[in-house]
């Protein structure tokens, strides 16, 4: 029996670092979404066939994203919501224009119901952004996702710098 291929969309994609890593893991990333149109050239150059969508996630729907993914594939929604509101350097973060982007990510998960979700952010998300994170986790729980998350040392995974990141994986296919 052949397993279905994983196909996905990368929200808040920037120049495409997450897309590139997912593609190296043999995940078929169909598109990357970012409001910053200046990322288009780098994203498409770095990621071959993946389409860049220069749009705010607030203007997208789960239905419009689902239409991009091939039928019969396992669907992944990935994203690195803007971290500026939660960063150590942010001041007055609750008023930052990107404060609710994780809520928008949760809305798209609710509308799309992908089999897999992955998200990464700064470690401070679990501290400064605890209310935002708790709301996101509540959405995943209500939608019956199995969830695992941790703050990881990136150098333990081959990144050539000492850096910590908050990483979350969620699955409707079973335990992680």
Protein backbone atom coordinates (compact mmCIF):
# COMPACT_ATOMS: atom_id res chain seq x y z
CA UNK A 1 0.00 0.00 0.00
CA UNK A 2 1.39 3.38 -1.02
CA UNK A 3 1.05 6.26 1.43
CA UNK A 4 -0.55 9.50 0.27
CA UNK A 5 1.84 12.35 -0.41
CA UNK A 6 1.80 15.31 1.95
CA UNK A 7 0.99 18.60 0.23
CA UNK A 8 0.93 21.91 2.00
CA UNK A 9 0.72 25.66 2.15
CA UNK A 10 3.18 27.86 4.06
CA UNK A 11 1.56 30.91 5.70
CA UNK A 12 3.69 33.94 6.58
CA UNK A 13 6.32 32.40 4.27
CA UNK A 14 8.75 35.29 3.84
CA UNK A 15 11.63 34.26 1.56
CA UNK A 16 10.72 30.60 2.02
CA UNK A 17 12.99 29.07 4.66
CA UNK A 18 10.28 26.83 6.11
CA UNK A 19 9.06 25.87 2.62
CA UNK A 20 12.61 24.92 1.67
CA UNK A 21 12.99 22.69 4.72
CA UNK A 22 9.61 21.04 4.17
CA UNK A 23 10.46 20.40 0.51
CA UNK A 24 13.75 18.79 1.58
CA UNK A 25 11.61 16.48 3.76
CA UNK A 26 9.72 15.48 0.56
CA UNK A 27 6.61 17.53 1.39
CA UNK A 28 5.01 19.07 -1.67
CA UNK A 29 4.56 22.74 -0.78
CA UNK A 30 2.15 24.18 -3.34
CA UNK A 31 2.21 27.81 -2.24
CA UNK A 32 3.58 30.31 0.20
CA UNK A 33 1.55 33.25 1.46
CA UNK A 34 3.00 36.53 2.68
CA UNK A 35 1.73 40.10 2.77
CA UNK A 36 5.22 41.38 1.83
CA UNK A 37 5.30 41.26 -1.97
CA UNK A 38 9.07 41.94 -1.82
CA UNK A 39 9.47 38.27 -0.80
CA UNK A 40 8.06 36.95 -4.09
CA UNK A 41 11.28 36.72 -6.10
CA UNK A 42 13.31 35.09 -3.30
CA UNK A 43 10.49 32.74 -2.35
CA UNK A 44 9.97 31.45 -5.89
CA UNK A 45 13.71 31.34 -6.65
CA UNK A 46 14.39 29.33 -3.50
CA UNK A 47 11.44 26.98 -3.89
CA UNK A 48 11.01 26.07 -7.54
CA UNK A 49 7.41 25.26 -8.39
CA UNK A 50 5.85 26.66 -5.21
CA UNK A 51 3.64 29.65 -6.01
CA UNK A 52 3.98 32.89 -4.05
CA UNK A 53 0.69 34.50 -3.01
CA UNK A 54 1.15 38.14 -2.03
CA UNK A 55 -1.83 38.50 0.26
CA UNK A 56 -2.68 39.04 3.90
CA UNK A 57 -3.93 35.88 5.59
CA UNK A 58 -6.84 37.99 6.84
CA UNK A 59 -8.13 38.05 3.24
CA UNK A 60 -7.90 34.28 2.71
CA UNK A 61 -10.37 31.50 3.45
CA UNK A 62 -9.85 27.85 4.20
CA UNK A 63 -11.88 27.01 1.09
CA UNK A 64 -9.61 29.10 -1.16
CA UNK A 65 -6.51 27.42 0.30
CA UNK A 66 -8.01 23.92 0.06
CA UNK A 67 -8.60 24.42 -3.67
CA UNK A 68 -4.84 24.78 -4.18
CA UNK A 69 -4.03 21.33 -2.78
CA UNK A 70 -4.19 18.14 -4.87
CA UNK A 71 -7.03 15.73 -4.15
CA UNK A 72 -6.04 12.62 -2.25
CA UNK A 73 -3.05 14.23 -0.58
CA UNK A 74 -2.53 14.62 3.15
CA UNK A 75 -2.96 18.35 3.71
CA UNK A 76 -0.49 20.39 5.78
CA UNK A 77 -0.97 23.98 6.86
CA UNK A 78 2.33 25.42 8.05
CA UNK A 79 3.12 28.84 9.36
CA UNK A 80 5.47 31.10 11.21
CA UNK A 81 3.14 33.86 12.35
CA UNK A 82 4.95 37.17 12.87
CA UNK A 83 6.99 37.00 16.05
CA UNK A 84 7.51 40.72 16.62
CA UNK A 85 4.66 41.07 19.16
CA UNK A 86 6.19 38.36 21.36
CA UNK A 87 9.88 39.09 20.93
CA UNK A 88 12.05 40.18 23.85
CA UNK A 89 12.59 43.45 22.00
CA UNK A 90 8.89 44.32 21.61
CA UNK A 91 7.35 47.04 23.72
CA UNK A 92 3.57 47.48 23.92
CA UNK A 93 3.17 44.19 22.12
CA UNK A 94 -0.59 43.85 22.67
CA UNK A 95 -1.01 46.87 20.39
CA UNK A 96 1.29 45.49 17.66
CA UNK A 97 -0.51 45.12 14.32
CA UNK A 98 0.56 41.45 14.08
CA UNK A 99 -0.74 40.51 17.56
CA UNK A 100 -3.73 38.58 16.15
CA UNK A 101 -1.98 36.73 13.31
CA UNK A 102 -1.91 33.47 15.28
CA UNK A 103 -5.69 33.86 15.66
CA UNK A 104 -5.93 34.19 11.87
CA UNK A 105 -3.84 31.02 11.49
CA UNK A 106 -6.27 29.27 13.86
CA UNK A 107 -9.24 30.55 11.85
CA UNK A 108 -7.79 29.08 8.65
CA UNK A 109 -7.16 25.75 10.39
CA UNK A 110 -10.78 25.73 11.58
CA UNK A 111 -12.06 26.53 8.06
CA UNK A 112 -9.72 24.17 6.20
CA UNK A 113 -9.36 21.28 8.67
CA UNK A 114 -6.00 20.02 7.33
CA UNK A 115 -4.72 16.67 8.55
CA UNK A 116 -1.43 18.23 9.71
CA UNK A 117 -0.39 21.59 11.14
CA UNK A 118 3.05 22.91 12.00
CA UNK A 119 4.04 26.22 13.47
CA UNK A 120 7.20 27.82 14.81
CA UNK A 121 7.82 31.07 16.62
CA UNK A 122 10.00 32.72 19.23
CA UNK A 123 10.12 31.01 22.65
CA UNK A 124 8.53 34.09 24.23
CA UNK A 125 5.24 33.16 22.54
CA UNK A 126 4.69 30.76 25.46
CA UNK A 127 5.36 33.62 27.91
CA UNK A 128 4.43 37.08 26.59
CA UNK A 129 1.91 35.61 24.18
CA UNK A 130 0.50 32.99 26.55
CA UNK A 131 -3.12 34.12 26.02
CA UNK A 132 -2.70 34.03 22.22
CA UNK A 133 -1.01 30.62 22.38
CA UNK A 134 -3.66 29.24 24.75
CA UNK A 135 -6.38 30.35 22.33
CA UNK A 136 -4.54 28.67 19.43
CA UNK A 137 -4.12 25.45 21.44
CA UNK A 138 -7.82 25.58 22.37
CA UNK A 139 -8.77 25.74 18.69
CA UNK A 140 -6.60 22.70 17.94
CA UNK A 141 -8.07 20.80 20.90
CA UNK A 142 -11.67 21.55 19.89
CA UNK A 143 -10.86 20.33 16.38
CA UNK A 144 -9.52 17.04 17.83
CA UNK A 145 -5.87 17.46 16.87
CA UNK A 146 -3.14 15.56 18.67
CA UNK A 147 -0.65 18.29 19.61
CA UNK A 148 2.96 18.38 20.72
CA UNK A 149 5.12 21.45 21.19
CA UNK A 150 8.39 22.45 22.78
CA UNK A 151 11.09 25.08 22.78
CA UNK A 152 13.98 23.49 20.89
CA UNK A 153 17.66 24.30 20.56
CA UNK A 154 18.12 24.73 16.82
CA UNK A 155 21.79 23.73 16.97
CA UNK A 156 20.61 20.24 18.00
CA UNK A 157 18.99 20.01 14.55
CA UNK A 158 21.91 21.19 12.45
CA UNK A 159 21.27 24.95 12.43
CA UNK A 160 24.71 26.65 12.50
CA UNK A 161 23.84 29.04 15.32
CA UNK A 162 22.69 28.94 18.91
CA UNK A 163 19.02 29.75 18.67
CA UNK A 164 15.89 28.63 20.46
CA UNK A 165 12.51 28.33 18.73
CA UNK A 166 9.01 27.34 19.80
CA UNK A 167 7.89 24.45 17.54
CA UNK A 168 4.40 22.94 17.39
CA UNK A 169 3.15 19.90 15.49
CA UNK A 170 -0.52 18.90 15.30
CA UNK A 171 -2.11 15.86 13.63
CA UNK A 172 -5.54 14.42 12.99
CA UNK A 173 -3.86 11.19 11.85
CA UNK A 174 -2.81 10.01 15.28
CA UNK A 175 -0.34 10.70 18.09
CA UNK A 176 2.82 12.61 17.31
